[in-house]
Structures are given as C-alpha cells and as structure tokens.
Amino acid sequence: MRNDFFQEVAESGTELEKLLLKRVRQAILNVRNNVSTHLHEMIGFKGQWAGEKTFQFETEVTPFLFNLNQAVHGGVLAYIADTTMGSMVFQALPPGKISVTSEMKINYIRAVHEGKLKTKAELLHLGKRTAVAECKLLSGDGELIAVSSASFAILDIKSVLKKGNDQ
C-alpha cells in the first residue's frame, strides 16, 4: 500500500472517504489492543447498558452500510443485531465463560436510508448452558426497522482454548 494514496484521501477525499479512513485507523488500533473487531469498528458501534438486562448500540447510517438500493444492507442489520445480543450475553456471563451464537432469526420490517440506527437488546434467559436474547433495531426517530432473536451456547473458555491449541 502506498502512503501517498492515504495522504491524498486525508487531504482531498470525500467526506465518506475521510470517515472510512478514520474508521480503518481506529479499527486497526483497537484490534491491536484486543479491544474490538475490525467490522465492529468500521460500522462505528457505540454500546452501553440501558438497564439490568437491556443493552443498546447506536451508529450513524453511512453509505458504507448500504446495499445497491441505497438502504442499510440486511446482512449488516443481522450482524448489528447479533453483535448487540452477543455483547449483552457476554457481559452477563460469569468469569471463565464465553458465548457463541447457535441460532438466530430476523424479521425485516422497513428500510433505513439515513440518520441513526439504534438497537436495544433484552436478555430473556441466562442459564448454565444457553442464553436467549431479543433485539429491536430502530431508526433514529424510533421507527421499528427489524426484530431479531437468538440463542447462544455458553462454553467454558478453558475447553475452547484447549481445543483450539489441539488443532
């Protein structure tokens, strides 16, 4: 890769190009520090607890998230829902445990083209081996975009790390 390209984008690129460059930089820094994943950073998530069993994310809708119809891509919405629910489940787990999505369903209701995209997930069940969550995806003005639910398998982190080292 050539630095002159990135310099040119930083100096005279479009606003979207500058945003992407900023997010790529932040993604690399956070991944280097094991704080986040590349895609999470590229989407621009900001997450927080909104109650004892409720977690929410928010991001700005940008053309980076669009499909060919200039709406946020359904796969991106599914990723956002899964990440919101998965983050909430992970935060609720006892030490030494991790979770992985074992099943997920999403119903798309309307397209979103601009503004903010908000998610609100609720933990419906947290057991020893499974968790179940639900997520609503909303536009910035509160219109329902999609509804998703997912099941998560709860695993012992030591057994997962051991299996990974055995391969």
Protein backbone atom coordinates (compact mmCIF):
# COMPACT_ATOMS: atom_id res chain seq x y z
CA MET A 1 0.00 0.00 0.00
CA ARG A 2 1.17 3.45 -0.74
CA ASN A 3 1.13 6.25 1.81
CA ASP A 4 0.56 8.89 -0.88
CA PHE A 5 -2.89 7.41 -1.56
CA PHE A 6 -3.91 7.68 2.09
CA GLN A 7 -2.46 11.19 2.27
CA GLU A 8 -4.48 12.21 -0.80
CA VAL A 9 -7.69 10.78 0.74
CA ALA A 10 -6.99 12.56 4.03
CA GLU A 11 -6.43 15.88 2.28
CA SER A 12 -8.94 15.90 -0.57
CA GLY A 13 -11.17 12.83 -0.32
CA THR A 14 -14.94 12.95 0.03
CA GLU A 15 -16.46 13.08 3.50
CA LEU A 16 -17.31 9.37 3.23
CA GLU A 17 -13.74 8.51 2.22
CA LYS A 18 -12.39 10.50 5.18
CA LEU A 19 -14.84 8.75 7.52
CA LEU A 20 -13.76 5.34 6.21
CA LEU A 21 -10.10 6.25 6.61
CA LYS A 22 -10.74 7.40 10.19
CA ARG A 23 -12.63 4.19 10.99
CA VAL A 24 -9.98 1.96 9.41
CA ARG A 25 -7.33 3.67 11.55
CA GLN A 26 -9.42 3.25 14.72
CA ALA A 27 -10.22 -0.38 13.83
CA ILE A 28 -6.53 -1.23 13.45
CA LEU A 29 -5.63 0.46 16.74
CA ASN A 30 -8.43 -1.24 18.69
CA VAL A 31 -7.76 -4.66 17.18
CA ARG A 32 -4.05 -4.30 18.02
CA ASN A 33 -5.10 -3.73 21.63
CA ASN A 34 -7.69 -6.57 21.59
CA VAL A 35 -10.47 -4.07 22.28
CA SER A 36 -12.72 -4.80 19.33
CA THR A 37 -13.07 -6.36 15.88
CA HIS A 38 -12.44 -4.73 12.50
CA LEU A 39 -16.04 -4.87 11.31
CA HIS A 40 -17.38 -3.56 14.61
CA GLU A 41 -15.15 -0.50 14.26
CA MET A 42 -15.95 0.02 10.57
CA ILE A 43 -19.66 0.16 11.36
CA GLY A 44 -18.96 2.65 14.15
CA PHE A 45 -20.76 1.00 17.07
CA LYS A 46 -21.13 2.62 20.44
CA GLY A 47 -22.70 0.34 23.06
CA GLN A 48 -23.87 0.63 26.63
CA TRP A 49 -26.12 -0.95 29.25
CA ALA A 50 -29.60 0.59 29.42
CA GLY A 51 -30.82 -1.37 32.42
CA GLU A 52 -30.10 -4.57 34.29
CA LYS A 53 -31.00 -6.86 31.36
CA THR A 54 -31.00 -4.39 28.45
CA PHE A 55 -28.07 -3.47 26.18
CA GLN A 56 -28.12 -0.96 23.33
CA PHE A 57 -25.92 0.12 20.44
CA GLU A 58 -26.04 3.16 18.22
CA THR A 59 -24.34 4.01 14.95
CA GLU A 60 -24.62 6.63 12.24
CA VAL A 61 -26.09 5.37 8.96
CA THR A 62 -23.48 5.90 6.24
CA PRO A 63 -23.27 4.77 2.59
CA PHE A 64 -20.63 2.26 3.76
CA LEU A 65 -23.54 0.19 5.17
CA PHE A 66 -25.71 0.36 2.03
CA ASN A 67 -26.82 -2.24 -0.47
CA LEU A 68 -27.40 -1.33 -4.14
CA ASN A 69 -30.78 0.21 -3.22
CA GLN A 70 -29.08 2.82 -1.01
CA ALA A 71 -30.53 1.26 2.17
CA VAL A 72 -28.68 -0.43 5.02
CA HIS A 73 -27.93 -3.98 3.84
CA GLY A 74 -29.96 -6.75 5.52
CA GLY A 75 -26.77 -8.67 6.31
CA VAL A 76 -25.40 -5.61 8.07
CA LEU A 77 -28.61 -5.35 10.10
CA ALA A 78 -28.29 -9.05 11.04
CA TYR A 79 -24.64 -8.50 12.07
CA ILE A 80 -25.66 -5.49 14.16
CA ALA A 81 -28.46 -7.45 15.89
CA ASP A 82 -26.18 -10.43 16.54
CA THR A 83 -23.42 -8.20 17.90
CA THR A 84 -25.83 -6.34 20.19
CA MET A 85 -27.29 -9.53 21.63
CA GLY A 86 -23.93 -11.31 21.78
CA SER A 87 -22.28 -8.38 23.57
CA MET A 88 -25.08 -8.31 26.13
CA VAL A 89 -24.90 -12.06 26.76
CA PHE A 90 -21.11 -11.97 27.03
CA GLN A 91 -21.26 -9.14 29.59
CA ALA A 92 -23.75 -11.11 31.69
CA LEU A 93 -21.65 -14.30 31.83
CA PRO A 94 -19.68 -15.37 34.89
CA PRO A 95 -15.86 -15.32 34.67
CA GLY A 96 -14.35 -18.14 32.62
CA LYS A 97 -17.34 -18.45 30.27
CA ILE A 98 -17.87 -17.32 26.68
CA SER A 99 -20.85 -17.48 24.37
CA VAL A 100 -21.37 -18.17 20.68
CA THR A 101 -24.48 -17.68 18.61
CA SER A 102 -26.12 -21.05 18.00
CA GLU A 103 -29.28 -19.85 16.20
CA MET A 104 -30.66 -16.50 15.04
CA LYS A 105 -33.82 -15.24 13.36
CA ILE A 106 -34.52 -11.78 11.99
CA ASN A 107 -37.67 -10.15 10.60
CA TYR A 108 -37.08 -7.10 8.39
CA ILE A 109 -39.85 -4.51 8.60
CA ARG A 110 -38.66 -1.40 6.75
CA ALA A 111 -35.58 0.01 5.12
CA VAL A 112 -33.36 2.65 6.67
CA HIS A 113 -31.51 5.15 4.46
CA GLU A 114 -30.18 7.87 6.75
CA GLY A 115 -29.84 9.13 10.29
CA LYS A 116 -29.01 6.90 13.20
CA LEU A 117 -29.55 3.20 13.70
CA LYS A 118 -30.24 2.10 17.25
CA THR A 119 -30.51 -1.35 18.75
CA LYS A 120 -32.00 -2.43 22.01
CA ALA A 121 -31.49 -6.00 23.20
CA GLU A 122 -33.06 -7.75 26.15
CA LEU A 123 -31.76 -10.85 27.87
CA LEU A 124 -34.71 -13.26 28.04
CA HIS A 125 -32.91 -16.25 29.57
CA LEU A 126 -29.46 -16.91 31.02
CA GLY A 127 -28.85 -20.50 32.03
CA LYS A 128 -25.76 -22.61 32.61
CA ARG A 129 -25.58 -23.87 29.00
CA THR A 130 -27.74 -21.49 26.96
CA ALA A 131 -28.90 -17.90 26.75
CA VAL A 132 -31.73 -16.37 24.75
CA ALA A 133 -31.98 -12.72 23.71
CA GLU A 134 -34.18 -10.46 21.62
CA CYS A 135 -33.17 -7.32 19.74
CA LYS A 136 -35.13 -4.47 18.20
CA LEU A 137 -33.45 -2.35 15.52
CA LEU A 138 -34.81 1.18 15.36
CA SER A 139 -34.31 4.25 13.23
CA GLY A 140 -33.07 7.41 14.95
CA ASP A 141 -36.66 8.61 15.33
CA GLY A 142 -37.81 5.32 16.86
CA GLU A 143 -39.37 3.56 13.85
CA LEU A 144 -39.04 -0.23 14.01
CA ILE A 145 -36.64 -1.48 11.31
CA ALA A 146 -36.26 -5.16 12.28
CA VAL A 147 -36.73 -7.59 15.15
CA SER A 148 -34.33 -10.42 15.90
CA SER A 149 -33.98 -13.23 18.42
CA ALA A 150 -31.08 -15.55 19.07
CA SER A 151 -29.91 -18.46 21.17
CA PHE A 152 -26.37 -18.66 22.47
CA ALA A 153 -24.35 -21.64 23.63
CA ILE A 154 -22.41 -20.95 26.81
CA LEU A 155 -18.98 -22.55 26.84
CA ASP A 156 -16.10 -22.88 29.26
CA ILE A 157 -13.27 -20.72 27.91
CA LYS A 158 -10.58 -23.21 29.02
CA SER A 159 -12.11 -26.03 26.95
CA VAL A 160 -12.45 -23.75 23.91
CA LEU A 161 -8.81 -22.61 24.18
CA LYS A 162 -7.63 -26.19 24.68
CA LYS A 163 -9.49 -27.40 21.57
CA GLY A 164 -8.01 -24.52 19.57
CA ASN A 165 -4.49 -25.46 20.64
CA ASP A 166 -5.05 -29.14 19.78
CA GLN A 167 -5.68 -28.37 16.09
